[in-house]
N, C-alpha and C. Protein backbone atom coordinates (compact mmCIF):
# COMPACT_ATOMS: atom_id res chain seq x y z
N MET A 1 -0.17 18.18 -10.98
CA MET A 1 -0.10 16.84 -10.42
C MET A 1 0.99 16.83 -9.36
N GLY A 2 0.68 16.28 -8.21
CA GLY A 2 1.62 16.24 -7.10
C GLY A 2 2.52 15.02 -7.16
N ALA A 3 3.15 14.75 -6.04
CA ALA A 3 4.05 13.60 -5.92
C ALA A 3 3.25 12.31 -6.06
N ASN A 4 3.95 11.22 -6.43
CA ASN A 4 3.24 9.95 -6.46
C ASN A 4 3.10 9.43 -5.02
N LEU A 5 2.32 8.39 -4.84
CA LEU A 5 2.03 7.90 -3.49
C LEU A 5 3.29 7.46 -2.76
N ILE A 6 4.20 6.82 -3.45
CA ILE A 6 5.44 6.38 -2.80
C ILE A 6 6.23 7.58 -2.30
N GLN A 7 6.37 8.60 -3.12
CA GLN A 7 7.08 9.81 -2.67
C GLN A 7 6.40 10.42 -1.45
N SER A 8 5.09 10.41 -1.44
CA SER A 8 4.37 10.95 -0.28
C SER A 8 4.61 10.11 0.96
N LEU A 9 4.59 8.79 0.82
CA LEU A 9 4.83 7.91 1.97
C LEU A 9 6.26 8.03 2.48
N GLN A 10 7.19 8.35 1.59
CA GLN A 10 8.59 8.52 2.01
C GLN A 10 8.77 9.74 2.91
N GLU A 11 7.81 10.64 2.90
CA GLU A 11 7.87 11.83 3.76
C GLU A 11 7.56 11.52 5.22
N ILE A 12 6.97 10.38 5.49
CA ILE A 12 6.62 10.01 6.87
C ILE A 12 7.89 9.55 7.58
N ARG A 13 8.13 10.14 8.75
CA ARG A 13 9.34 9.84 9.52
C ARG A 13 9.33 8.38 9.96
N ASP A 14 10.44 7.69 9.72
CA ASP A 14 10.59 6.30 10.15
C ASP A 14 11.03 6.31 11.61
N PHE A 15 10.20 5.80 12.48
CA PHE A 15 10.44 5.83 13.92
C PHE A 15 11.32 4.68 14.40
N ARG A 16 11.65 3.75 13.52
CA ARG A 16 12.42 2.57 13.93
C ARG A 16 13.91 2.89 14.03
N ALA A 17 14.61 2.12 14.87
CA ALA A 17 16.07 2.23 14.93
C ALA A 17 16.63 1.76 13.59
N SER A 18 17.73 2.34 13.16
CA SER A 18 18.27 2.01 11.84
C SER A 18 18.77 0.56 11.77
N GLN A 19 19.19 0.01 12.90
CA GLN A 19 19.68 -1.36 12.91
C GLN A 19 18.52 -2.35 12.75
N GLY A 20 18.66 -3.27 11.85
CA GLY A 20 17.66 -4.31 11.68
C GLY A 20 16.50 -3.97 10.76
N ARG A 21 16.54 -2.82 10.13
CA ARG A 21 15.47 -2.46 9.18
C ARG A 21 15.62 -3.29 7.92
N ARG A 22 14.70 -4.16 7.68
CA ARG A 22 14.76 -5.00 6.48
C ARG A 22 14.00 -4.36 5.32
N TYR A 23 12.95 -3.61 5.66
CA TYR A 23 12.09 -3.01 4.65
C TYR A 23 11.95 -1.52 4.92
N PRO A 24 11.94 -0.70 3.88
CA PRO A 24 11.69 0.72 4.11
C PRO A 24 10.25 0.92 4.58
N LEU A 25 10.03 1.91 5.43
CA LEU A 25 8.70 2.17 5.97
C LEU A 25 7.69 2.44 4.87
N TRP A 26 8.09 3.17 3.83
CA TRP A 26 7.15 3.49 2.75
C TRP A 26 6.60 2.22 2.10
N LEU A 27 7.44 1.18 1.98
CA LEU A 27 6.99 -0.07 1.36
C LEU A 27 5.94 -0.76 2.23
N ILE A 28 6.18 -0.80 3.52
CA ILE A 28 5.21 -1.42 4.43
C ILE A 28 3.89 -0.66 4.38
N LEU A 29 3.96 0.67 4.40
CA LEU A 29 2.74 1.48 4.36
C LEU A 29 2.01 1.32 3.03
N LEU A 30 2.75 1.24 1.94
CA LEU A 30 2.14 1.03 0.63
C LEU A 30 1.40 -0.30 0.59
N LEU A 31 2.02 -1.35 1.13
CA LEU A 31 1.37 -2.66 1.18
C LEU A 31 0.12 -2.64 2.06
N VAL A 32 0.18 -1.89 3.16
CA VAL A 32 -0.98 -1.76 4.04
C VAL A 32 -2.13 -1.08 3.29
N ILE A 33 -1.83 -0.01 2.57
CA ILE A 33 -2.86 0.70 1.82
C ILE A 33 -3.44 -0.19 0.72
N MET A 34 -2.56 -0.80 -0.06
CA MET A 34 -3.04 -1.67 -1.15
C MET A 34 -3.82 -2.86 -0.60
N GLY A 35 -3.29 -3.47 0.46
CA GLY A 35 -3.97 -4.61 1.06
C GLY A 35 -5.32 -4.24 1.64
N THR A 36 -5.39 -3.10 2.29
CA THR A 36 -6.65 -2.65 2.89
C THR A 36 -7.70 -2.40 1.81
N ILE A 37 -7.29 -1.76 0.72
CA ILE A 37 -8.21 -1.54 -0.41
C ILE A 37 -8.69 -2.87 -0.97
N SER A 38 -7.84 -3.90 -0.88
CA SER A 38 -8.19 -5.23 -1.40
C SER A 38 -9.00 -6.06 -0.43
N GLY A 39 -9.24 -5.54 0.76
CA GLY A 39 -10.06 -6.28 1.71
C GLY A 39 -9.31 -6.95 2.84
N CYS A 40 -8.00 -6.74 2.95
CA CYS A 40 -7.23 -7.34 4.05
C CYS A 40 -7.64 -6.68 5.36
N ARG A 41 -7.99 -7.50 6.35
CA ARG A 41 -8.43 -6.97 7.63
C ARG A 41 -7.64 -7.54 8.80
N SER A 42 -6.51 -8.19 8.52
CA SER A 42 -5.68 -8.73 9.60
C SER A 42 -4.22 -8.69 9.17
N TYR A 43 -3.33 -8.87 10.14
CA TYR A 43 -1.90 -8.91 9.83
C TYR A 43 -1.59 -10.11 8.93
N TYR A 44 -2.24 -11.24 9.20
CA TYR A 44 -2.02 -12.42 8.37
C TYR A 44 -2.48 -12.17 6.94
N ALA A 45 -3.59 -11.48 6.79
CA ALA A 45 -4.09 -11.17 5.44
C ALA A 45 -3.12 -10.26 4.70
N LEU A 46 -2.51 -9.31 5.41
CA LEU A 46 -1.52 -8.43 4.78
C LEU A 46 -0.29 -9.23 4.35
N GLU A 47 0.16 -10.16 5.20
CA GLU A 47 1.30 -11.00 4.83
C GLU A 47 0.96 -11.83 3.59
N ASP A 48 -0.22 -12.42 3.57
CA ASP A 48 -0.66 -13.21 2.43
C ASP A 48 -0.75 -12.36 1.17
N PHE A 49 -1.27 -11.15 1.29
CA PHE A 49 -1.35 -10.23 0.16
C PHE A 49 0.05 -9.98 -0.41
N GLY A 50 1.01 -9.68 0.48
CA GLY A 50 2.39 -9.45 0.03
C GLY A 50 2.99 -10.66 -0.65
N ALA A 51 2.74 -11.84 -0.09
CA ALA A 51 3.28 -13.07 -0.68
C ALA A 51 2.69 -13.32 -2.07
N ARG A 52 1.38 -13.11 -2.20
CA ARG A 52 0.72 -13.34 -3.49
C ARG A 52 1.18 -12.36 -4.57
N HIS A 53 1.53 -11.16 -4.17
CA HIS A 53 1.86 -10.12 -5.15
C HIS A 53 3.35 -9.76 -5.15
N TYR A 54 4.16 -10.60 -4.51
CA TYR A 54 5.60 -10.32 -4.41
C TYR A 54 6.23 -10.08 -5.78
N GLY A 55 5.99 -10.97 -6.73
CA GLY A 55 6.63 -10.86 -8.05
C GLY A 55 6.32 -9.55 -8.74
N THR A 56 5.06 -9.19 -8.78
CA THR A 56 4.65 -7.96 -9.45
C THR A 56 5.17 -6.73 -8.72
N VAL A 57 5.01 -6.73 -7.39
CA VAL A 57 5.45 -5.57 -6.60
C VAL A 57 6.95 -5.38 -6.73
N SER A 58 7.74 -6.48 -6.59
CA SER A 58 9.19 -6.30 -6.68
C SER A 58 9.64 -5.90 -8.06
N GLU A 59 8.99 -6.43 -9.08
CA GLU A 59 9.35 -6.05 -10.45
C GLU A 59 9.03 -4.58 -10.72
N LYS A 60 7.83 -4.16 -10.39
CA LYS A 60 7.40 -2.79 -10.68
C LYS A 60 8.16 -1.75 -9.87
N LEU A 61 8.53 -2.11 -8.63
CA LEU A 61 9.21 -1.14 -7.76
C LEU A 61 10.73 -1.34 -7.71
N GLY A 62 11.24 -2.35 -8.41
CA GLY A 62 12.67 -2.60 -8.42
C GLY A 62 13.23 -2.98 -7.06
N LEU A 63 12.49 -3.79 -6.32
CA LEU A 63 12.92 -4.18 -4.97
C LEU A 63 14.01 -5.24 -5.03
N THR A 64 14.85 -5.24 -4.03
CA THR A 64 15.92 -6.24 -3.95
C THR A 64 15.68 -7.24 -2.82
N VAL A 65 14.60 -7.09 -2.07
CA VAL A 65 14.30 -8.03 -0.98
C VAL A 65 13.80 -9.34 -1.57
N THR A 66 14.05 -10.44 -0.85
CA THR A 66 13.66 -11.76 -1.36
C THR A 66 12.24 -12.13 -0.98
N ARG A 67 11.64 -11.40 -0.06
CA ARG A 67 10.23 -11.60 0.31
C ARG A 67 9.71 -10.31 0.91
N LEU A 68 8.41 -10.23 1.03
CA LEU A 68 7.80 -9.04 1.60
C LEU A 68 7.51 -9.27 3.08
N PRO A 69 7.15 -8.24 3.83
CA PRO A 69 7.04 -8.35 5.29
C PRO A 69 6.07 -9.43 5.79
N SER A 70 6.40 -9.94 6.98
CA SER A 70 5.56 -10.95 7.64
C SER A 70 4.47 -10.28 8.45
N ASP A 71 3.55 -11.08 8.95
CA ASP A 71 2.47 -10.54 9.78
C ASP A 71 3.02 -9.85 11.02
N THR A 72 4.10 -10.36 11.61
CA THR A 72 4.66 -9.72 12.81
C THR A 72 5.28 -8.38 12.48
N THR A 73 5.87 -8.24 11.30
CA THR A 73 6.41 -6.94 10.89
C THR A 73 5.29 -5.93 10.73
N PHE A 74 4.21 -6.32 10.07
CA PHE A 74 3.06 -5.42 9.94
C PHE A 74 2.53 -5.04 11.32
N ARG A 75 2.43 -6.01 12.22
CA ARG A 75 1.90 -5.74 13.56
C ARG A 75 2.78 -4.75 14.30
N ARG A 76 4.08 -4.98 14.32
CA ARG A 76 5.00 -4.08 15.03
C ARG A 76 4.93 -2.66 14.48
N ILE A 77 4.90 -2.53 13.17
CA ILE A 77 4.86 -1.20 12.55
C ILE A 77 3.54 -0.51 12.86
N LEU A 78 2.44 -1.21 12.67
CA LEU A 78 1.13 -0.58 12.84
C LEU A 78 0.82 -0.25 14.29
N GLN A 79 1.39 -0.99 15.22
CA GLN A 79 1.17 -0.68 16.63
C GLN A 79 1.87 0.60 17.06
N LYS A 80 2.97 0.94 16.39
CA LYS A 80 3.74 2.12 16.78
C LYS A 80 3.60 3.29 15.81
N LEU A 81 2.89 3.09 14.73
CA LEU A 81 2.77 4.09 13.68
C LEU A 81 1.98 5.31 14.15
N ASP A 82 2.42 6.48 13.73
CA ASP A 82 1.69 7.72 13.96
C ASP A 82 0.62 7.83 12.87
N PHE A 83 -0.59 7.34 13.18
CA PHE A 83 -1.65 7.31 12.17
C PHE A 83 -2.07 8.71 11.74
N GLN A 84 -1.92 9.67 12.62
CA GLN A 84 -2.23 11.06 12.26
C GLN A 84 -1.33 11.51 11.10
N ALA A 85 -0.04 11.19 11.21
CA ALA A 85 0.91 11.56 10.15
C ALA A 85 0.59 10.84 8.85
N LEU A 86 0.25 9.55 8.95
CA LEU A 86 -0.10 8.80 7.75
C LEU A 86 -1.37 9.36 7.10
N ALA A 87 -2.39 9.62 7.91
CA ALA A 87 -3.65 10.15 7.37
C ALA A 87 -3.43 11.51 6.72
N GLN A 88 -2.63 12.35 7.37
CA GLN A 88 -2.36 13.69 6.84
C GLN A 88 -1.60 13.60 5.51
N GLN A 89 -0.60 12.74 5.45
CA GLN A 89 0.19 12.59 4.22
C GLN A 89 -0.67 12.01 3.10
N PHE A 90 -1.49 11.02 3.43
CA PHE A 90 -2.36 10.41 2.43
C PHE A 90 -3.38 11.42 1.91
N GLU A 91 -3.95 12.20 2.82
CA GLU A 91 -4.92 13.22 2.42
C GLU A 91 -4.28 14.27 1.51
N GLN A 92 -3.06 14.69 1.84
CA GLN A 92 -2.34 15.65 0.99
C GLN A 92 -2.12 15.07 -0.40
N TRP A 93 -1.72 13.80 -0.46
CA TRP A 93 -1.47 13.15 -1.74
C TRP A 93 -2.77 13.09 -2.55
N VAL A 94 -3.85 12.66 -1.93
CA VAL A 94 -5.14 12.58 -2.63
C VAL A 94 -5.55 13.95 -3.15
N ASN A 95 -5.48 14.96 -2.29
CA ASN A 95 -5.90 16.31 -2.69
C ASN A 95 -5.04 16.89 -3.80
N SER A 96 -3.76 16.52 -3.87
CA SER A 96 -2.89 17.06 -4.91
C SER A 96 -3.02 16.30 -6.23
N ASN A 97 -3.65 15.14 -6.21
CA ASN A 97 -3.75 14.33 -7.42
C ASN A 97 -5.17 14.15 -7.94
N PHE A 98 -6.15 14.31 -7.10
CA PHE A 98 -7.54 14.10 -7.49
C PHE A 98 -8.37 15.27 -7.02
N THR A 99 -9.02 15.93 -7.95
CA THR A 99 -9.85 17.08 -7.57
C THR A 99 -11.24 16.92 -8.16
N PRO A 100 -12.09 16.17 -7.46
CA PRO A 100 -13.46 16.03 -7.96
C PRO A 100 -14.22 17.34 -7.82
N GLU A 101 -15.17 17.53 -8.70
CA GLU A 101 -16.04 18.70 -8.63
C GLU A 101 -16.95 18.55 -7.41
N PRO A 102 -17.47 19.66 -6.89
CA PRO A 102 -18.39 19.56 -5.75
C PRO A 102 -19.55 18.60 -6.07
N GLY A 103 -19.80 17.70 -5.16
CA GLY A 103 -20.86 16.72 -5.35
C GLY A 103 -20.40 15.43 -6.01
N GLU A 104 -19.20 15.41 -6.59
CA GLU A 104 -18.67 14.18 -7.19
C GLU A 104 -18.00 13.34 -6.12
N TRP A 105 -17.94 12.04 -6.36
CA TRP A 105 -17.30 11.11 -5.44
C TRP A 105 -16.20 10.36 -6.18
N ILE A 106 -15.19 9.95 -5.46
CA ILE A 106 -14.17 9.07 -6.02
C ILE A 106 -14.40 7.70 -5.40
N ALA A 107 -14.73 6.71 -6.23
CA ALA A 107 -14.96 5.35 -5.74
C ALA A 107 -13.77 4.49 -6.14
N ILE A 108 -13.28 3.72 -5.21
CA ILE A 108 -12.15 2.83 -5.48
C ILE A 108 -12.63 1.40 -5.31
N ASP A 109 -12.36 0.58 -6.30
CA ASP A 109 -12.71 -0.83 -6.25
C ASP A 109 -11.42 -1.62 -6.38
N GLY A 110 -11.06 -2.38 -5.36
CA GLY A 110 -9.79 -3.08 -5.35
C GLY A 110 -9.81 -4.48 -5.92
N LYS A 111 -10.80 -4.81 -6.73
CA LYS A 111 -10.89 -6.17 -7.24
C LYS A 111 -9.66 -6.58 -8.05
N SER A 112 -9.13 -5.70 -8.86
CA SER A 112 -7.98 -6.09 -9.66
C SER A 112 -6.74 -6.27 -8.80
N ILE A 113 -6.67 -5.60 -7.67
CA ILE A 113 -5.56 -5.80 -6.76
C ILE A 113 -5.74 -7.13 -6.04
N ARG A 114 -6.95 -7.39 -5.58
CA ARG A 114 -7.24 -8.60 -4.82
C ARG A 114 -7.08 -9.83 -5.69
N GLY A 115 -7.45 -9.73 -6.93
CA GLY A 115 -7.27 -10.85 -7.83
C GLY A 115 -8.57 -11.27 -8.50
N THR A 116 -8.77 -10.84 -9.73
CA THR A 116 -9.94 -11.26 -10.49
C THR A 116 -9.53 -12.28 -11.54
N VAL A 117 -8.29 -12.77 -11.47
CA VAL A 117 -7.78 -13.69 -12.47
C VAL A 117 -7.99 -15.12 -11.99
N THR A 118 -8.51 -15.95 -12.86
CA THR A 118 -8.59 -17.38 -12.57
C THR A 118 -8.08 -18.13 -13.78
N GLU A 119 -7.45 -19.24 -13.56
CA GLU A 119 -6.94 -20.09 -14.63
C GLU A 119 -6.05 -19.32 -15.60
N HIS A 120 -5.22 -18.45 -15.08
CA HIS A 120 -4.19 -17.73 -15.84
C HIS A 120 -4.75 -16.87 -16.97
N ARG A 121 -5.92 -16.30 -16.77
CA ARG A 121 -6.47 -15.36 -17.74
C ARG A 121 -6.06 -13.95 -17.35
N THR A 122 -6.16 -13.03 -18.28
CA THR A 122 -5.80 -11.64 -18.01
C THR A 122 -6.84 -10.98 -17.12
N ALA A 123 -6.38 -10.22 -16.14
CA ALA A 123 -7.29 -9.52 -15.23
C ALA A 123 -7.80 -8.24 -15.87
N THR A 124 -9.01 -7.91 -15.54
CA THR A 124 -9.57 -6.63 -15.95
C THR A 124 -9.31 -5.64 -14.83
N LYS A 125 -8.74 -4.50 -15.14
CA LYS A 125 -8.48 -3.48 -14.13
C LYS A 125 -9.78 -2.75 -13.84
N THR A 126 -10.21 -2.81 -12.59
CA THR A 126 -11.49 -2.23 -12.21
C THR A 126 -11.24 -1.06 -11.28
N LEU A 127 -11.31 0.14 -11.81
CA LEU A 127 -11.13 1.34 -11.00
C LEU A 127 -12.12 2.37 -11.50
N PHE A 128 -13.00 2.82 -10.62
CA PHE A 128 -14.00 3.80 -11.00
C PHE A 128 -13.65 5.15 -10.41
N LEU A 129 -13.60 6.17 -11.23
CA LEU A 129 -13.36 7.53 -10.74
C LEU A 129 -14.53 8.40 -11.10
């Protein structure tokens, strides 16, 4: 088993100046990946995803920030991001953690991330491998 996804994302060089960095690059990229799997297709949708899941994300990751990135932060990062580096790092992570047999597929369903809970009921985790 290889590194976890966060460790893999931490390997991507942060191109931003050190002054004014409010969020680590790995966190922004993790939110982009999770949000995209959940169906987010805009910067506003990514901001909304972060706002809706702030409590869980900060608790699970031990974050000290008081809120997650805004749509403009996502836009600035994604406009300057080296997508080749992100794709390569993500592919390495997938290959080191998931090895389907020839002919097998890995299907990801982001419903539990997007939110299958209504009226404060427990969500069913939906992930097909």
